[in-house]
PDB file of all heavy atoms in Angstrom:
ATOM      1  N   GLN A   1       0.804  -1.219  -0.019  1.00  0.00           N
ATOM      2  CA  GLN A   1       0.048   0.029  -0.042  1.00  0.00           C
ATOM      3  C   GLN A   1       0.852   1.242   0.029  1.00  0.00           C
ATOM      4  O   GLN A   1       0.601   2.189  -0.776  1.00  0.00           O
ATOM      5  CB  GLN A   1      -0.939   0.031   1.182  1.00  0.00           C
ATOM      6  CG  GLN A   1      -1.812   1.173   1.314  1.00  0.00           C
ATOM      7  CD  GLN A   1      -2.575   1.314   2.517  1.00  0.00           C
ATOM      8  OE1 GLN A   1      -2.080   1.121   3.629  1.00  0.00           O
ATOM      9  NE2 GLN A   1      -3.903   1.300   2.433  1.00  0.00           N
ATOM     10  N   ILE A   2       1.890   1.291   0.927  1.00  0.00           N
ATOM     11  CA  ILE A   2       2.658   2.455   0.975  1.00  0.00           C
ATOM     12  C   ILE A   2       3.584   2.646  -0.260  1.00  0.00           C
ATOM     13  O   ILE A   2       3.715   3.717  -0.796  1.00  0.00           O
ATOM     14  CB  ILE A   2       3.648   2.399   2.329  1.00  0.00           C
ATOM     15  CG1 ILE A   2       2.657   2.408   3.436  1.00  0.00           C
ATOM     16  CG2 ILE A   2       4.626   3.550   2.262  1.00  0.00           C
ATOM     17  CD1 ILE A   2       3.480   2.250   4.761  1.00  0.00           C
ATOM     18  N   GLN A   3       4.133   1.512  -0.752  1.00  0.00           N
ATOM     19  CA  GLN A   3       4.852   1.687  -1.928  1.00  0.00           C
ATOM     20  C   GLN A   3       4.054   2.044  -3.206  1.00  0.00           C
ATOM     21  O   GLN A   3       4.643   2.835  -4.021  1.00  0.00           O
ATOM     22  CB  GLN A   3       5.438   0.120  -2.298  1.00  0.00           C
ATOM     23  CG  GLN A   3       6.291   0.143  -3.550  1.00  0.00           C
ATOM     24  CD  GLN A   3       7.688   0.969  -3.382  1.00  0.00           C
ATOM     25  OE1 GLN A   3       8.518   0.514  -2.661  1.00  0.00           O
ATOM     26  NE2 GLN A   3       7.792   2.041  -4.140  1.00  0.00           N
ATOM     27  N   GLY A   4       2.800   1.710  -3.171  1.00  0.00           N
ATOM     28  CA  GLY A   4       1.890   2.189  -4.122  1.00  0.00           C
ATOM     29  C   GLY A   4       1.748   3.687  -4.191  1.00  0.00           C
ATOM     30  O   GLY A   4       1.662   4.296  -5.153  1.00  0.00           O
ATOM     31  N   TRP A   5       1.616   4.277  -2.970  1.00  0.00           N
ATOM     32  CA  TRP A   5       1.418   5.738  -2.783  1.00  0.00           C
ATOM     33  C   TRP A   5       2.776   6.443  -3.339  1.00  0.00           C
ATOM     34  O   TRP A   5       2.644   7.347  -4.146  1.00  0.00           O
ATOM     35  CB  TRP A   5       1.359   6.071  -1.358  1.00  0.00           C
ATOM     36  CG  TRP A   5       0.091   5.550  -0.666  1.00  0.00           C
ATOM     37  CD1 TRP A   5      -1.030   5.051  -1.282  1.00  0.00           C
ATOM     38  CD2 TRP A   5      -0.118   5.496   0.630  1.00  0.00           C
ATOM     39  NE1 TRP A   5      -2.053   4.708  -0.385  1.00  0.00           N
ATOM     40  CE2 TRP A   5      -1.476   5.026   0.827  1.00  0.00           C
ATOM     41  CE3 TRP A   5       0.488   5.858   1.858  1.00  0.00           C
ATOM     42  CZ2 TRP A   5      -2.016   4.775   2.085  1.00  0.00           C
ATOM     43  CZ3 TRP A   5      -0.082   5.629   3.092  1.00  0.00           C
ATOM     44  CH2 TRP A   5      -1.323   5.047   3.270  1.00  0.00           C
ATOM     45  N   ILE A   6       3.885   5.919  -3.005  1.00  0.00           N
ATOM     46  CA  ILE A   6       5.138   6.539  -3.397  1.00  0.00           C
ATOM     47  C   ILE A   6       5.421   6.417  -5.019  1.00  0.00           C
ATOM     48  O   ILE A   6       5.824   7.371  -5.564  1.00  0.00           O
ATOM     49  CB  ILE A   6       6.448   5.932  -2.697  1.00  0.00           C
ATOM     50  CG1 ILE A   6       6.228   6.061  -1.237  1.00  0.00           C
ATOM     51  CG2 ILE A   6       7.687   6.491  -3.136  1.00  0.00           C
ATOM     52  CD1 ILE A   6       5.970   7.445  -0.756  1.00  0.00           C
ATOM     53  N   ASN A   7       4.925   5.241  -5.431  1.00  0.00           N
ATOM     54  CA  ASN A   7       5.096   5.068  -6.942  1.00  0.00           C
ATOM     55  C   ASN A   7       4.170   6.155  -7.649  1.00  0.00           C
ATOM     56  O   ASN A   7       4.470   6.575  -8.753  1.00  0.00           O
ATOM     57  CB  ASN A   7       4.737   3.727  -7.387  1.00  0.00           C
ATOM     58  CG  ASN A   7       5.712   2.665  -6.958  1.00  0.00           C
ATOM     59  OD1 ASN A   7       6.924   2.970  -6.547  1.00  0.00           O
ATOM     60  ND2 ASN A   7       5.279   1.356  -6.797  1.00  0.00           N
ATOM     61  N   GLU A   8       2.934   6.261  -7.137  1.00  0.00           N
ATOM     62  CA  GLU A   8       1.986   7.166  -7.777  1.00  0.00           C
ATOM     63  C   GLU A   8       2.509   8.615  -7.667  1.00  0.00           C
ATOM     64  O   GLU A   8       2.528   9.338  -8.568  1.00  0.00           O
ATOM     65  CB  GLU A   8       0.691   7.169  -6.965  1.00  0.00           C
ATOM     66  CG  GLU A   8      -0.390   8.032  -7.573  1.00  0.00           C
ATOM     67  CD  GLU A   8      -1.724   7.972  -6.859  1.00  0.00           C
ATOM     68  OE1 GLU A   8      -1.868   6.944  -5.990  1.00  0.00           O
ATOM     69  OE2 GLU A   8      -2.593   8.779  -7.005  1.00  0.00           O
ATOM     70  N   PHE A   9       3.191   9.009  -6.543  1.00  0.00           N
ATOM     71  CA  PHE A   9       3.801  10.386  -6.411  1.00  0.00           C
ATOM     72  C   PHE A   9       5.036  10.457  -7.436  1.00  0.00           C
ATOM     73  O   PHE A   9       5.229  11.566  -8.108  1.00  0.00           O
ATOM     74  CB  PHE A   9       4.174  10.593  -5.123  1.00  0.00           C
ATOM     75  CG  PHE A   9       4.643  12.074  -4.845  1.00  0.00           C
ATOM     76  CD1 PHE A   9       3.837  13.167  -4.794  1.00  0.00           C
ATOM     77  CD2 PHE A   9       6.080  12.220  -4.691  1.00  0.00           C
ATOM     78  CE1 PHE A   9       4.382  14.375  -4.710  1.00  0.00           C
ATOM     79  CE2 PHE A   9       6.506  13.585  -4.496  1.00  0.00           C
ATOM     80  CZ  PHE A   9       5.660  14.509  -4.488  1.00  0.00           C
ATOM     81  N   ALA A  10       5.781   9.257  -7.447  1.00  0.00           N
ATOM     82  CA  ALA A  10       7.001   9.366  -8.407  1.00  0.00           C
ATOM     83  C   ALA A  10       6.632   9.571  -9.895  1.00  0.00           C
ATOM     84  O   ALA A  10       7.459  10.085 -10.649  1.00  0.00           O
ATOM     85  CB  ALA A  10       7.744   8.110  -8.214  1.00  0.00           C
ATOM     86  N   GLU A  11       5.436   9.031 -10.296  1.00  0.00           N
ATOM     87  CA  GLU A  11       5.076   9.190 -11.748  1.00  0.00           C
ATOM     88  C   GLU A  11       4.773  10.684 -12.055  1.00  0.00           C
ATOM     89  O   GLU A  11       5.015  11.073 -13.218  1.00  0.00           O
ATOM     90  CB  GLU A  11       3.758   8.450 -11.907  1.00  0.00           C
ATOM     91  CG  GLU A  11       3.992   6.913 -11.873  1.00  0.00           C
ATOM     92  CD  GLU A  11       2.595   6.171 -12.041  1.00  0.00           C
ATOM     93  OE1 GLU A  11       1.509   6.813 -12.155  1.00  0.00           O
ATOM     94  OE2 GLU A  11       2.648   4.814 -12.027  1.00  0.00           O
ATOM     95  N   LYS A  12       4.494  11.418 -11.088  1.00  0.00           N
ATOM     96  CA  LYS A  12       4.223  12.944 -11.353  1.00  0.00           C
ATOM     97  C   LYS A  12       5.363  13.737 -11.156  1.00  0.00           C
ATOM     98  O   LYS A  12       5.500  14.843 -11.597  1.00  0.00           O
ATOM     99  CB  LYS A  12       3.007  13.443 -10.446  1.00  0.00           C
ATOM    100  CG  LYS A  12       1.691  12.608 -10.563  1.00  0.00           C
ATOM    101  CD  LYS A  12       0.680  13.107  -9.650  1.00  0.00           C
ATOM    102  CE  LYS A  12      -0.581  12.332  -9.829  1.00  0.00           C
ATOM    103  NZ  LYS A  12      -1.601  12.766  -8.807  1.00  0.00           N
ATOM    104  N   HIS A  13       6.333  13.216 -10.321  1.00  0.00           N
ATOM    105  CA  HIS A  13       7.581  13.960 -10.102  1.00  0.00           C
ATOM    106  C   HIS A  13       8.847  12.993 -10.339  1.00  0.00           C
ATOM    107  O   HIS A  13       8.793  11.893 -10.105  1.00  0.00           O
ATOM    108  CB  HIS A  13       7.635  14.459  -8.564  1.00  0.00           C
ATOM    109  CG  HIS A  13       6.411  15.266  -8.248  1.00  0.00           C
ATOM    110  ND1 HIS A  13       5.199  14.693  -7.915  1.00  0.00           N
ATOM    111  CD2 HIS A  13       6.201  16.623  -8.194  1.00  0.00           C
ATOM    112  CE1 HIS A  13       4.345  15.621  -7.662  1.00  0.00           C
ATOM    113  NE2 HIS A  13       4.983  16.857  -7.753  1.00  0.00           N
ATOM    114  N   ASP A  14       9.895  13.593 -10.821  1.00  0.00           N
ATOM    115  CA  ASP A  14      11.054  12.865 -11.118  1.00  0.00           C
ATOM    116  C   ASP A  14      11.935  12.695  -9.837  1.00  0.00           C
ATOM    117  O   ASP A  14      12.814  13.291  -9.517  1.00  0.00           O
ATOM    118  CB  ASP A  14      11.925  13.641 -12.135  1.00  0.00           C
ATOM    119  CG  ASP A  14      13.116  12.791 -12.563  1.00  0.00           C
ATOM    120  OD1 ASP A  14      13.001  11.520 -12.330  1.00  0.00           O
ATOM    121  OD2 ASP A  14      14.099  13.397 -13.167  1.00  0.00           O
ATOM    122  N   ILE A  15      11.396  11.546  -9.118  1.00  0.00           N
ATOM    123  CA  ILE A  15      12.102  11.205  -7.918  1.00  0.00           C
ATOM    124  C   ILE A  15      12.468   9.692  -7.802  1.00  0.00           C
ATOM    125  O   ILE A  15      11.819   8.879  -8.642  1.00  0.00           O
ATOM    126  CB  ILE A  15      11.183  11.536  -6.668  1.00  0.00           C
ATOM    127  CG1 ILE A  15       9.901  10.789  -6.705  1.00  0.00           C
ATOM    128  CG2 ILE A  15      10.987  13.107  -6.558  1.00  0.00           C
ATOM    129  CD1 ILE A  15       9.123  10.923  -5.283  1.00  0.00           C
ATOM    130  N   ASP A  16      13.145   9.418  -6.817  1.00  0.00           N
ATOM    131  CA  ASP A  16      13.551   7.995  -6.597  1.00  0.00           C
ATOM    132  C   ASP A  16      12.471   7.313  -5.746  1.00  0.00           C
ATOM    133  O   ASP A  16      12.100   7.771  -4.641  1.00  0.00           O
ATOM    134  CB  ASP A  16      14.825   7.825  -5.825  1.00  0.00           C
ATOM    135  CG  ASP A  16      15.306   6.398  -5.678  1.00  0.00           C
ATOM    136  OD1 ASP A  16      14.637   5.447  -6.103  1.00  0.00           O
ATOM    137  OD2 ASP A  16      16.396   6.235  -5.061  1.00  0.00           O
ATOM    138  N   ALA A  17      11.815   6.205  -6.098  1.00  0.00           N
ATOM    139  CA  ALA A  17      10.668   5.621  -5.464  1.00  0.00           C
ATOM    140  C   ALA A  17      10.974   4.601  -4.487  1.00  0.00           C
ATOM    141  O   ALA A  17      10.246   3.773  -3.982  1.00  0.00           O
ATOM    142  CB  ALA A  17       9.599   5.077  -6.405  1.00  0.00           C
ATOM    143  N   ILE A  18      12.175   4.587  -4.069  1.00  0.00           N
ATOM    144  CA  ILE A  18      12.672   3.568  -2.978  1.00  0.00           C
ATOM    145  C   ILE A  18      12.062   4.018  -1.702  1.00  0.00           C
ATOM    146  O   ILE A  18      12.013   5.020  -1.197  1.00  0.00           O
ATOM    147  CB  ILE A  18      14.208   3.580  -2.991  1.00  0.00           C
ATOM    148  CG1 ILE A  18      14.815   2.852  -4.228  1.00  0.00           C
ATOM    149  CG2 ILE A  18      14.739   2.672  -1.721  1.00  0.00           C
ATOM    150  CD1 ILE A  18      16.264   2.931  -4.223  1.00  0.00           C
ATOM    151  N   VAL A  19      11.578   2.877  -0.941  1.00  0.00           N
ATOM    152  CA  VAL A  19      10.937   2.936   0.341  1.00  0.00           C
ATOM    153  C   VAL A  19      11.632   1.949   1.296  1.00  0.00           C
ATOM    154  O   VAL A  19      11.811   0.840   0.849  1.00  0.00           O
ATOM    155  CB  VAL A  19       9.374   2.815   0.232  1.00  0.00           C
ATOM    156  CG1 VAL A  19       8.870   2.851   1.675  1.00  0.00           C
ATOM    157  CG2 VAL A  19       8.716   3.827  -0.632  1.00  0.00           C
ATOM    158  N   ARG A  20      11.917   2.448   2.432  1.00  0.00           N
ATOM    159  CA  ARG A  20      12.490   1.495   3.470  1.00  0.00           C
ATOM    160  C   ARG A  20      11.518   1.604   4.764  1.00  0.00           C
ATOM    161  O   ARG A  20      11.325   2.680   5.324  1.00  0.00           O
ATOM    162  CB  ARG A  20      13.880   1.911   3.958  1.00  0.00           C
ATOM    163  CG  ARG A  20      14.733   1.860   2.709  1.00  0.00           C
ATOM    164  CD  ARG A  20      15.871   2.798   2.898  1.00  0.00           C
ATOM    165  NE  ARG A  20      16.829   3.031   1.706  1.00  0.00           N
ATOM    166  CZ  ARG A  20      17.730   3.752   1.558  1.00  0.00           C
ATOM    167  NH1 ARG A  20      17.979   4.758   2.529  1.00  0.00           N
ATOM    168  NH2 ARG A  20      18.552   3.877   0.612  1.00  0.00           N
ATOM    169  N   LEU A  21      11.003   0.499   5.178  1.00  0.00           N
ATOM    170  CA  LEU A  21       9.827   0.382   6.219  1.00  0.00           C
ATOM    171  C   LEU A  21      10.370  -0.456   7.328  1.00  0.00           C
ATOM    172  O   LEU A  21      10.838  -1.541   7.090  1.00  0.00           O
ATOM    173  CB  LEU A  21       8.586  -0.020   5.654  1.00  0.00           C
ATOM    174  CG  LEU A  21       8.013   0.676   4.470  1.00  0.00           C
ATOM    175  CD1 LEU A  21       6.593   0.011   4.055  1.00  0.00           C
ATOM    176  CD2 LEU A  21       7.719   2.089   4.743  1.00  0.00           C
ATOM    177  N   GLY A  22      10.175   0.112   8.560  1.00  0.00           N
ATOM    178  CA  GLY A  22      10.324  -0.703   9.731  1.00  0.00           C
ATOM    179  C   GLY A  22       8.952  -0.835  10.480  1.00  0.00           C
ATOM    180  O   GLY A  22       8.409   0.237  10.661  1.00  0.00           O
ATOM    181  N   MET A  23       8.618  -1.959  10.851  1.00  0.00           N
ATOM    182  CA  MET A  23       7.257  -2.119  11.265  1.00  0.00           C
ATOM    183  C   MET A  23       7.266  -2.991  12.651  1.00  0.00           C
ATOM    184  O   MET A  23       8.208  -3.679  12.907  1.00  0.00           O
ATOM    185  CB  MET A  23       6.361  -2.917  10.428  1.00  0.00           C
ATOM    186  CG  MET A  23       6.249  -2.379   8.999  1.00  0.00           C
ATOM    187  SD  MET A  23       5.039  -3.316   8.050  1.00  0.00           S
ATOM    188  CE  MET A  23       5.787  -3.255   6.475  1.00  0.00           C
ATOM    189  N   ALA A  24       6.299  -2.543  13.577  1.00  0.00           N
ATOM    190  CA  ALA A  24       6.222  -3.309  14.849  1.00  0.00           C
ATOM    191  C   ALA A  24       4.728  -2.905  15.301  1.00  0.00           C
ATOM    192  O   ALA A  24       3.993  -2.025  14.847  1.00  0.00           O
ATOM    193  CB  ALA A  24       7.100  -2.768  15.943  1.00  0.00           C
ATOM    194  N   ASP A  25       4.204  -3.790  16.205  1.00  0.00           N
ATOM    195  CA  ASP A  25       2.766  -3.714  16.683  1.00  0.00           C
ATOM    196  C   ASP A  25       2.879  -3.323  18.281  1.00  0.00           C
ATOM    197  O   ASP A  25       3.848  -3.556  18.982  1.00  0.00           O
ATOM    198  CB  ASP A  25       2.091  -5.052  16.582  1.00  0.00           C
ATOM    199  CG  ASP A  25       1.716  -5.370  15.163  1.00  0.00           C
ATOM    200  OD1 ASP A  25       1.746  -4.389  14.287  1.00  0.00           O
ATOM    201  OD2 ASP A  25       1.504  -6.546  14.962  1.00  0.00           O
ATOM    202  N   TYR A  26       1.860  -2.637  18.610  1.00  0.00           N
ATOM    203  CA  TYR A  26       1.650  -2.315  20.075  1.00  0.00           C
ATOM    204  C   TYR A  26       0.325  -3.049  20.521  1.00  0.00           C
ATOM    205  O   TYR A  26      -0.639  -2.882  19.774  1.00  0.00           O
ATOM    206  CB  TYR A  26       1.658  -0.987  20.369  1.00  0.00           C
ATOM    207  CG  TYR A  26       1.456  -0.675  21.819  1.00  0.00           C
ATOM    208  CD1 TYR A  26       2.649  -0.618  22.669  1.00  0.00           C
ATOM    209  CD2 TYR A  26       0.322  -0.503  22.552  1.00  0.00           C
ATOM    210  CE1 TYR A  26       2.568  -0.528  23.975  1.00  0.00           C
ATOM    211  CE2 TYR A  26       0.219  -0.298  23.909  1.00  0.00           C
ATOM    212  CZ  TYR A  26       1.354  -0.319  24.659  1.00  0.00           C
ATOM    213  OH  TYR A  26       1.308  -0.175  25.945  1.00  0.00           O
ATOM    214  N   PRO A  27       0.349  -3.835  21.697  1.00  0.00           N
ATOM    215  CA  PRO A  27       1.531  -4.005  22.402  1.00  0.00           C
ATOM    216  C   PRO A  27       2.529  -4.958  21.827  1.00  0.00           C
ATOM    217  O   PRO A  27       2.138  -5.883  21.159  1.00  0.00           O
ATOM    218  CB  PRO A  27       0.805  -4.731  23.613  1.00  0.00           C
ATOM    219  CG  PRO A  27      -0.370  -5.387  23.077  1.00  0.00           C
ATOM    220  CD  PRO A  27      -0.960  -4.532  22.122  1.00  0.00           C
ATOM    221  N   PHE A  28       3.754  -4.688  22.092  1.00  0.00           N
ATOM    222  CA  PHE A  28       4.731  -5.431  21.434  1.00  0.00           C
ATOM    223  C   PHE A  28       4.966  -6.860  22.115  1.00  0.00           C
ATOM    224  O   PHE A  28       5.316  -7.783  21.365  1.00  0.00           O
ATOM    225  CB  PHE A  28       6.145  -4.646  21.593  1.00  0.00           C
ATOM    226  CG  PHE A  28       7.273  -5.068  20.764  1.00  0.00           C
ATOM    227  CD1 PHE A  28       7.157  -5.064  19.376  1.00  0.00           C
ATOM    228  CD2 PHE A  28       8.295  -5.667  21.461  1.00  0.00           C
ATOM    229  CE1 PHE A  28       8.227  -5.607  18.544  1.00  0.00           C
ATOM    230  CE2 PHE A  28       9.417  -6.199  20.700  1.00  0.00           C
ATOM    231  CZ  PHE A  28       9.363  -6.252  19.291  1.00  0.00           C
ATOM    232  N   LEU A  29       4.913  -6.872  23.433  1.00  0.00           N
ATOM    233  CA  LEU A  29       4.927  -8.173  24.129  1.00  0.00           C
ATOM    234  C   LEU A  29       3.558  -8.604  24.455  1.00  0.00           C
ATOM    235  O   LEU A  29       2.820  -8.066  25.243  1.00  0.00           O
ATOM    236  CB  LEU A  29       5.823  -7.992  25.407  1.00  0.00           C
ATOM    237  CG  LEU A  29       7.227  -7.687  25.228  1.00  0.00           C
ATOM    238  CD1 LEU A  29       7.972  -7.321  26.518  1.00  0.00           C
ATOM    239  CD2 LEU A  29       7.967  -8.505  24.223  1.00  0.00           C
ATOM    240  N   PRO A  30       3.008  -9.867  23.910  1.00  0.00           N
ATOM    241  CA  PRO A  30       1.690 -10.205  24.066  1.00  0.00           C
ATOM    242  C   PRO A  30       1.471 -10.460  25.548  1.00  0.00           C
ATOM    243  O   PRO A  30       0.300 -10.315  25.938  1.00  0.00           O
ATOM    244  CB  PRO A  30       1.602 -11.460  23.146  1.00  0.00           C
ATOM    245  CG  PRO A  30       2.598 -11.333  22.193  1.00  0.00           C
ATOM    246  CD  PRO A  30       3.821 -10.570  22.892  1.00  0.00           C
ATOM    247  N   ARG A  31       2.425 -10.933  26.352  1.00  0.00           N
ATOM    248  CA  ARG A  31       2.074 -11.278  27.732  1.00  0.00           C
ATOM    249  C   ARG A  31       2.398 -10.126  28.663  1.00  0.00           C
ATOM    250  O   ARG A  31       2.206 -10.300  29.850  1.00  0.00           O
ATOM    251  CB  ARG A  31       3.121 -12.509  28.055  1.00  0.00           C
ATOM    252  CG  ARG A  31       2.727 -13.838  27.255  1.00  0.00           C
ATOM    253  CD  ARG A  31       3.662 -14.961  27.945  1.00  0.00           C
ATOM    254  NE  ARG A  31       3.335 -15.143  29.181  1.00  0.00           N
ATOM    255  CZ  ARG A  31       4.184 -16.025  29.974  1.00  0.00           C
ATOM    256  NH1 ARG A  31       5.126 -16.731  29.391  1.00  0.00           N
ATOM    257  NH2 ARG A  31       3.934 -16.168  31.261  1.00  0.00           N
ATOM    258  N   ALA A  32       3.023  -9.121  28.173  1.00  0.00           N
ATOM    259  CA  ALA A  32       3.322  -7.971  29.170  1.00  0.00           C
ATOM    260  C   ALA A  32       3.011  -6.712  28.348  1.00  0.00           C
ATOM    261  O   ALA A  32       3.873  -6.054  27.823  1.00  0.00           O
ATOM    262  CB  ALA A  32       4.799  -8.037  29.481  1.00  0.00           C
TER     263      ALA A  32
END
């Protein structure tokens, strides 16, 4: 989804469409 957004913006502007994503959920520890 996020890469699709960047690609769409890159088509209109001459930019590099590379995306680097770091992900995590909260709560991070299911037991605490």
